[in-house]
Every structure is written in C-alpha cells, then in structure tokens.
Amino acid sequence: MAVDFSELLEAFEFVSSVGIAENTAFLCKETGKIYWHSDWADDVEEIPDIEDSEEYIRIPEKEELDLGKRWC
C-alpha cells in the first residue's frame, strides 16, 4: 500500500485543527485511502464501518503525540 505523504499531512492537520475528537480521519491499510469525518460538516462520502476493524488506522491528533510543551 502506498500513501501520499501530502494527504497524510493534510489529514493530520485536519484532525488537529479543532477540539479533541471533533474531526477524525482514518487510513485504510489495504488501499491507502484516507476517510474524513467532521462533527461540523456533513460527510461527503460514506465512511465504512471502522469501529473494531484492524483494516483502518486512526490518524492521531498532535496532542496525542506528546511532542513537547505548548507555547501559548
């Protein structure tokens, strides 16, 4: 499976752009496709059944990575 880095980065920025768990993104390990979901907008495409599936990886938010202290 090939994943486009720019799409992965965009998904990471998307999930980190608002409050915790308001935006989510999942990467399909089989196809490399990223599925997006926002509590603030209607989904453009239907997200497959992701819960309890080992086929998908949830894209983490920046706070989850614990990369350092916030400046503000």
N, C-alpha and C. Protein backbone atom coordinates (compact mmCIF):
# COMPACT_ATOMS: atom_id res chain seq x y z
N MET A 1 0.84 -1.17 0.00
CA MET A 1 0.00 0.00 0.00
C MET A 1 0.89 1.24 0.00
N ALA A 2 0.59 2.16 -0.87
CA ALA A 2 1.31 3.43 -0.93
C ALA A 2 0.41 4.52 -0.37
N VAL A 3 1.02 5.41 0.42
CA VAL A 3 0.29 6.53 1.00
C VAL A 3 0.98 7.82 0.57
N ASP A 4 0.22 8.75 0.04
CA ASP A 4 0.76 10.04 -0.36
C ASP A 4 1.03 10.86 0.91
N PHE A 5 2.29 11.27 1.12
CA PHE A 5 2.65 11.99 2.34
C PHE A 5 1.86 13.29 2.48
N SER A 6 1.64 14.02 1.40
CA SER A 6 0.90 15.29 1.49
C SER A 6 -0.53 15.05 1.96
N GLU A 7 -1.16 13.95 1.54
CA GLU A 7 -2.51 13.62 2.00
C GLU A 7 -2.50 13.24 3.48
N LEU A 8 -1.49 12.50 3.89
CA LEU A 8 -1.36 12.11 5.29
C LEU A 8 -1.14 13.34 6.17
N LEU A 9 -0.29 14.26 5.73
CA LEU A 9 -0.06 15.50 6.47
C LEU A 9 -1.33 16.34 6.54
N GLU A 10 -2.07 16.41 5.44
CA GLU A 10 -3.32 17.15 5.43
C GLU A 10 -4.34 16.55 6.40
N ALA A 11 -4.39 15.23 6.48
CA ALA A 11 -5.29 14.55 7.42
C ALA A 11 -4.87 14.85 8.85
N PHE A 12 -3.57 14.83 9.14
CA PHE A 12 -3.06 15.15 10.47
C PHE A 12 -3.43 16.58 10.87
N GLU A 13 -3.26 17.52 9.96
CA GLU A 13 -3.62 18.91 10.24
C GLU A 13 -5.13 19.07 10.42
N PHE A 14 -5.90 18.31 9.67
CA PHE A 14 -7.36 18.34 9.76
C PHE A 14 -7.81 17.90 11.14
N VAL A 15 -7.30 16.78 11.65
CA VAL A 15 -7.75 16.29 12.95
C VAL A 15 -7.22 17.15 14.09
N SER A 16 -6.14 17.87 13.87
CA SER A 16 -5.54 18.71 14.91
C SER A 16 -6.06 20.15 14.89
N SER A 17 -6.92 20.48 13.94
CA SER A 17 -7.32 21.87 13.73
C SER A 17 -8.41 22.38 14.67
N VAL A 18 -9.16 21.49 15.29
CA VAL A 18 -10.25 21.90 16.18
C VAL A 18 -10.15 21.14 17.49
N GLY A 19 -11.21 21.17 18.28
CA GLY A 19 -11.21 20.47 19.56
C GLY A 19 -11.04 18.97 19.41
N ILE A 20 -10.69 18.34 20.51
CA ILE A 20 -10.42 16.91 20.52
C ILE A 20 -11.65 16.13 20.03
N ALA A 21 -11.42 15.25 19.09
CA ALA A 21 -12.41 14.32 18.51
C ALA A 21 -13.51 14.99 17.70
N GLU A 22 -13.36 16.28 17.37
CA GLU A 22 -14.37 16.93 16.51
C GLU A 22 -14.14 16.58 15.05
N ASN A 23 -12.88 16.41 14.66
CA ASN A 23 -12.52 15.94 13.33
C ASN A 23 -11.76 14.64 13.49
N THR A 24 -12.06 13.67 12.65
CA THR A 24 -11.33 12.41 12.67
C THR A 24 -10.98 12.01 11.24
N ALA A 25 -9.93 11.24 11.12
CA ALA A 25 -9.53 10.70 9.82
C ALA A 25 -8.98 9.30 10.06
N PHE A 26 -9.23 8.43 9.09
CA PHE A 26 -8.80 7.04 9.19
C PHE A 26 -8.11 6.65 7.89
N LEU A 27 -7.01 5.93 8.02
CA LEU A 27 -6.25 5.43 6.87
C LEU A 27 -6.56 3.96 6.68
N CYS A 28 -6.94 3.58 5.49
CA CYS A 28 -7.18 2.18 5.16
C CYS A 28 -5.83 1.54 4.84
N LYS A 29 -5.45 0.54 5.62
CA LYS A 29 -4.15 -0.11 5.42
C LYS A 29 -4.08 -0.90 4.12
N GLU A 30 -5.21 -1.30 3.61
CA GLU A 30 -5.23 -2.10 2.38
C GLU A 30 -5.10 -1.24 1.12
N THR A 31 -5.80 -0.10 1.10
CA THR A 31 -5.84 0.72 -0.12
C THR A 31 -5.03 2.01 -0.04
N GLY A 32 -4.74 2.50 1.18
CA GLY A 32 -4.04 3.77 1.34
C GLY A 32 -4.98 4.96 1.30
N LYS A 33 -6.27 4.73 1.16
CA LYS A 33 -7.26 5.81 1.10
C LYS A 33 -7.51 6.35 2.51
N ILE A 34 -7.68 7.67 2.60
CA ILE A 34 -7.97 8.32 3.88
C ILE A 34 -9.44 8.72 3.89
N TYR A 35 -10.13 8.35 4.96
CA TYR A 35 -11.54 8.69 5.15
C TYR A 35 -11.62 9.80 6.20
N TRP A 36 -12.41 10.82 5.91
CA TRP A 36 -12.52 12.02 6.74
C TRP A 36 -13.89 12.10 7.38
N HIS A 37 -13.96 12.67 8.59
CA HIS A 37 -15.24 12.92 9.25
C HIS A 37 -15.09 14.16 10.13
N SER A 38 -16.12 15.02 10.10
CA SER A 38 -16.15 16.20 10.96
C SER A 38 -17.52 16.31 11.61
N ASP A 39 -17.52 16.67 12.88
CA ASP A 39 -18.78 16.92 13.57
C ASP A 39 -19.44 18.21 13.07
N TRP A 40 -18.68 19.03 12.37
CA TRP A 40 -19.16 20.34 11.93
C TRP A 40 -19.69 20.36 10.50
N ALA A 41 -19.54 19.28 9.77
CA ALA A 41 -19.98 19.27 8.37
C ALA A 41 -20.55 17.90 8.02
N ASP A 42 -21.39 17.89 7.00
CA ASP A 42 -21.91 16.62 6.50
C ASP A 42 -20.79 15.89 5.78
N ASP A 43 -20.75 14.58 5.95
CA ASP A 43 -19.75 13.79 5.25
C ASP A 43 -20.05 13.76 3.76
N VAL A 44 -19.03 13.98 2.96
CA VAL A 44 -19.19 13.97 1.52
C VAL A 44 -19.33 12.53 1.02
N GLU A 45 -18.58 11.63 1.63
CA GLU A 45 -18.67 10.23 1.25
C GLU A 45 -18.97 9.39 2.47
N GLU A 46 -19.52 8.24 2.25
CA GLU A 46 -19.86 7.38 3.37
C GLU A 46 -18.60 6.72 3.92
N ILE A 47 -18.43 6.80 5.23
CA ILE A 47 -17.29 6.18 5.89
C ILE A 47 -17.66 4.72 6.17
N PRO A 48 -16.77 3.80 5.83
CA PRO A 48 -17.07 2.39 6.10
C PRO A 48 -17.11 2.11 7.60
N ASP A 49 -17.56 0.93 7.96
CA ASP A 49 -17.62 0.54 9.37
C ASP A 49 -16.19 0.39 9.89
N ILE A 50 -15.73 1.40 10.62
CA ILE A 50 -14.34 1.47 11.05
C ILE A 50 -14.15 0.92 12.46
N GLU A 51 -15.18 1.00 13.28
CA GLU A 51 -15.07 0.54 14.65
C GLU A 51 -14.68 -0.93 14.70
N ASP A 52 -13.74 -1.26 15.58
CA ASP A 52 -13.28 -2.63 15.80
C ASP A 52 -12.72 -3.29 14.54
N SER A 53 -12.19 -2.50 13.64
CA SER A 53 -11.61 -3.05 12.43
C SER A 53 -10.10 -2.84 12.46
N GLU A 54 -9.37 -3.89 12.17
CA GLU A 54 -7.91 -3.79 12.12
C GLU A 54 -7.44 -3.31 10.76
N GLU A 55 -8.36 -3.07 9.84
CA GLU A 55 -8.02 -2.63 8.49
C GLU A 55 -7.74 -1.12 8.44
N TYR A 56 -8.16 -0.38 9.47
CA TYR A 56 -8.03 1.07 9.48
C TYR A 56 -7.17 1.55 10.64
N ILE A 57 -6.43 2.62 10.40
CA ILE A 57 -5.62 3.27 11.43
C ILE A 57 -6.17 4.68 11.62
N ARG A 58 -6.48 5.05 12.86
CA ARG A 58 -6.94 6.40 13.14
C ARG A 58 -5.74 7.34 13.11
N ILE A 59 -5.88 8.46 12.42
CA ILE A 59 -4.82 9.48 12.39
C ILE A 59 -4.84 10.21 13.73
N PRO A 60 -3.72 10.25 14.45
CA PRO A 60 -3.70 10.88 15.77
C PRO A 60 -3.71 12.41 15.69
N GLU A 61 -4.21 13.04 16.74
CA GLU A 61 -4.13 14.49 16.87
C GLU A 61 -2.77 14.86 17.44
N LYS A 62 -2.33 16.10 17.21
CA LYS A 62 -0.99 16.49 17.63
C LYS A 62 -0.79 16.37 19.14
N GLU A 63 -1.81 16.60 19.96
CA GLU A 63 -1.66 16.48 21.41
C GLU A 63 -1.40 15.04 21.83
N GLU A 64 -1.91 14.09 21.06
CA GLU A 64 -1.72 12.68 21.38
C GLU A 64 -0.27 12.25 21.21
N LEU A 65 0.50 12.95 20.39
CA LEU A 65 1.87 12.58 20.13
C LEU A 65 2.83 13.05 21.21
N ASP A 66 2.38 13.98 22.07
CA ASP A 66 3.18 14.46 23.19
C ASP A 66 4.60 14.85 22.75
N LEU A 67 4.65 15.76 21.78
CA LEU A 67 5.95 16.15 21.22
C LEU A 67 6.61 17.31 21.95
N GLY A 68 5.97 17.86 22.94
CA GLY A 68 6.57 18.96 23.68
C GLY A 68 5.51 19.83 24.30
N LYS A 69 5.97 20.91 24.89
CA LYS A 69 5.07 21.83 25.57
C LYS A 69 4.48 22.86 24.59
N ARG A 70 3.28 23.31 24.91
CA ARG A 70 2.64 24.37 24.14
C ARG A 70 3.30 25.71 24.50
N TRP A 71 3.43 26.58 23.54
CA TRP A 71 3.99 27.90 23.76
C TRP A 71 2.93 28.88 24.22
N CYS A 72 1.69 28.64 23.88
CA CYS A 72 0.62 29.58 24.24
C CYS A 72 -0.39 28.91 25.11
